Amino acid sequence: MPAQKFFKGPVGFMVWMAAAAVLLLPAAMLVYRATTGDDFRDAEIMAQWSGHFSDVQTPEALSGDENDWEHVWKLNREAVPEWPEQAESFAAFYAGSRPTGGYRAEAVIEYQDSSVVRVACRVHPPEGPAIMVITSPWVTAVLSGLGGRSLELVHCSP
């Protein structure tokens, strides 16, 4: 009978409230996390094209959408590929002049959270002997899954 007295009155009320908090708090935290917008679709690089010669001779990074697509391909000195379905934006990187052939540029998603997607350019040197000619490697990548997040570009790094 002493236990029945313990769960009645002001002390009992406090015990029941503490038990409810302990049992319901984890569920409430899950519901809060699901509704705060922390969940976002991962951005991805849908396709990327690269080359060794462009009209841009200094390191540069550009971004745009379907309206700018044709302009960037003129800088790349290439035929304009069709804008991919579901693409939201593109990132174009120019590595600047390199002393030999064989350099390869690649676009990678370096970081993303609920407000920004950071795309970086990586330049890989030639493997083995390379022709002695000045090149200007470039890469253009199209992205999807941005969902209104800003696109941040990181210039090419060796």
Protein backbone atom coordinates (compact mmCIF):
# COMPACT_ATOMS: atom_id res chain seq x y z
CA MET A 1 0.00 0.00 0.00
CA PRO A 2 2.82 2.51 0.48
CA ALA A 3 3.42 2.45 -3.31
CA GLN A 4 -0.19 3.50 -3.97
CA LYS A 5 0.30 6.56 -1.74
CA PHE A 6 3.54 7.37 -3.53
CA PHE A 7 1.80 7.57 -6.95
CA LYS A 8 -1.00 9.78 -5.64
CA GLY A 9 -0.87 13.46 -4.81
CA PRO A 10 1.76 15.99 -5.91
CA VAL A 11 4.67 13.54 -5.74
CA GLY A 12 2.80 10.97 -7.81
CA PHE A 13 1.95 13.61 -10.38
CA MET A 14 5.64 14.51 -10.72
CA VAL A 15 6.60 10.84 -11.09
CA TRP A 16 4.03 10.34 -13.85
CA MET A 17 5.17 13.50 -15.67
CA ALA A 18 8.82 12.43 -15.50
CA ALA A 19 7.92 8.98 -16.86
CA ALA A 20 5.92 10.53 -19.70
CA ALA A 21 8.79 12.86 -20.58
CA VAL A 22 11.29 10.00 -20.61
CA LEU A 23 9.05 7.90 -22.83
CA LEU A 24 7.80 10.60 -25.21
CA LEU A 25 10.93 12.76 -25.63
CA PRO A 26 12.68 10.47 -28.14
CA ALA A 27 9.53 10.31 -30.29
CA ALA A 28 9.15 14.09 -30.16
CA MET A 29 12.79 14.55 -31.21
CA LEU A 30 12.26 12.30 -34.26
CA VAL A 31 9.15 14.22 -35.31
CA TYR A 32 10.98 17.55 -34.89
CA ARG A 33 13.93 16.39 -36.98
CA ALA A 34 11.60 15.18 -39.74
CA THR A 35 9.86 18.57 -39.97
CA THR A 36 12.81 20.99 -39.68
CA GLY A 37 14.06 20.62 -43.25
CA ASP A 38 17.32 18.89 -42.33
CA ASP A 39 16.42 16.24 -44.86
CA PHE A 40 17.41 17.25 -48.38
CA ARG A 41 17.95 15.34 -51.55
CA ASP A 42 21.61 14.91 -52.33
CA ALA A 43 22.80 16.93 -55.27
CA GLU A 44 24.60 14.93 -57.90
CA ILE A 45 26.70 15.41 -60.99
CA MET A 46 24.59 13.96 -63.78
CA ALA A 47 27.25 14.16 -66.50
CA GLN A 48 30.53 15.89 -67.18
CA TRP A 49 32.58 16.66 -70.25
CA SER A 50 36.25 17.60 -70.36
CA GLY A 51 38.82 18.71 -72.89
CA HIS A 52 42.32 20.08 -73.34
CA PHE A 53 41.81 23.37 -75.18
CA SER A 54 39.50 26.31 -74.44
CA ASP A 55 39.31 30.05 -75.01
CA VAL A 56 39.89 30.63 -71.27
CA GLN A 57 43.63 30.70 -70.54
CA THR A 58 43.53 31.63 -66.84
CA PRO A 59 41.94 29.63 -64.01
CA GLU A 60 38.22 30.40 -63.92
CA ALA A 61 34.98 28.89 -62.66
CA LEU A 62 31.54 29.65 -64.09
CA SER A 63 28.06 28.44 -63.31
CA GLY A 64 24.73 28.87 -65.02
CA ASP A 65 21.58 27.21 -66.22
CA GLU A 66 20.10 26.15 -69.53
CA ASN A 67 20.05 29.78 -70.74
CA ASP A 68 23.88 30.00 -70.46
CA TRP A 69 24.54 26.50 -71.83
CA GLU A 70 25.36 27.52 -75.39
CA HIS A 71 27.74 30.30 -74.31
CA VAL A 72 29.89 28.03 -72.15
CA TRP A 73 30.33 25.56 -75.02
CA LYS A 74 31.66 28.32 -77.24
CA LEU A 75 34.36 28.87 -74.61
CA ASN A 76 35.02 25.11 -74.59
CA ARG A 77 35.50 25.09 -78.39
CA GLU A 78 33.13 22.12 -78.64
CA ALA A 79 29.76 21.32 -80.20
CA VAL A 80 26.89 22.05 -77.82
CA PRO A 81 25.48 18.87 -76.28
CA GLU A 82 21.78 18.71 -75.51
CA TRP A 83 20.79 20.08 -72.09
CA PRO A 84 20.08 16.97 -69.95
CA GLU A 85 16.55 16.46 -68.64
CA GLN A 86 16.23 17.17 -64.90
CA ALA A 87 19.47 19.19 -64.92
CA GLU A 88 19.21 22.33 -62.79
CA SER A 89 22.58 23.99 -63.24
CA PHE A 90 26.06 23.55 -64.65
CA ALA A 91 29.54 24.24 -63.34
CA ALA A 92 32.36 24.96 -65.79
CA PHE A 93 35.98 24.99 -64.68
CA TYR A 94 39.02 26.17 -66.59
CA ALA A 95 42.40 25.09 -65.21
CA GLY A 96 44.50 27.68 -67.00
CA SER A 97 47.55 26.96 -69.14
CA ARG A 98 49.53 23.77 -68.57
CA PRO A 99 52.99 23.07 -70.07
CA THR A 100 52.18 19.64 -71.51
CA GLY A 101 49.33 17.52 -72.76
CA GLY A 102 47.74 14.81 -70.65
CA TYR A 103 46.28 16.96 -67.86
CA ARG A 104 42.73 15.92 -66.98
CA ALA A 105 40.17 18.09 -65.16
CA GLU A 106 37.36 16.59 -63.08
CA ALA A 107 34.41 18.13 -61.20
CA VAL A 108 33.48 16.70 -57.79
CA ILE A 109 30.91 17.61 -55.17
CA GLU A 110 33.09 18.53 -52.24
CA TYR A 111 30.41 19.44 -49.68
CA GLN A 112 26.67 19.92 -49.36
CA ASP A 113 24.20 20.82 -46.65
CA SER A 114 20.70 22.30 -46.53
CA SER A 115 21.81 25.69 -47.92
CA VAL A 116 24.83 25.15 -50.21
CA VAL A 117 26.37 22.68 -52.64
CA ARG A 118 30.13 23.13 -53.14
CA VAL A 119 31.57 21.81 -56.40
CA ALA A 120 35.33 21.70 -56.85
CA CYS A 121 37.64 21.09 -59.77
CA ARG A 122 40.53 18.65 -59.51
CA VAL A 123 43.29 18.61 -62.10
CA HIS A 124 45.18 15.35 -62.54
CA PRO A 125 48.65 15.52 -64.12
CA PRO A 126 49.63 13.26 -67.01
CA GLU A 127 50.60 9.70 -66.20
CA GLY A 128 53.93 9.01 -67.85
CA PRO A 129 55.43 10.89 -70.81
CA ALA A 130 53.37 13.70 -72.31
CA ILE A 131 53.54 15.73 -75.48
CA MET A 132 55.21 19.13 -75.07
CA VAL A 133 52.39 21.47 -76.03
CA ILE A 134 50.61 24.16 -74.02
CA THR A 135 47.10 23.04 -73.12
CA SER A 136 44.25 24.59 -71.15
CA PRO A 137 42.20 21.76 -69.60
CA TRP A 138 38.53 22.32 -68.78
CA VAL A 139 35.57 20.41 -67.39
CA THR A 140 31.86 21.18 -67.53
CA ALA A 141 29.43 19.30 -65.28
CA VAL A 142 25.64 19.41 -65.05
CA LEU A 143 23.99 19.03 -61.66
CA SER A 144 20.62 17.97 -60.35
CA GLY A 145 19.10 17.90 -56.88
CA LEU A 146 20.06 21.44 -55.90
CA GLY A 147 16.55 22.19 -54.69
CA GLY A 148 17.06 25.95 -54.41
CA ARG A 149 20.43 25.68 -52.62
CA SER A 150 23.20 28.01 -53.71
CA LEU A 151 26.03 26.65 -55.83
CA GLU A 152 29.56 27.43 -54.63
CA LEU A 153 32.48 26.78 -56.98
CA VAL A 154 36.10 26.04 -55.98
CA HIS A 155 38.70 26.79 -58.67
CA CYS A 156 40.86 24.04 -60.12
CA SER A 157 43.62 22.74 -57.91
CA PRO A 158 46.44 20.43 -58.93
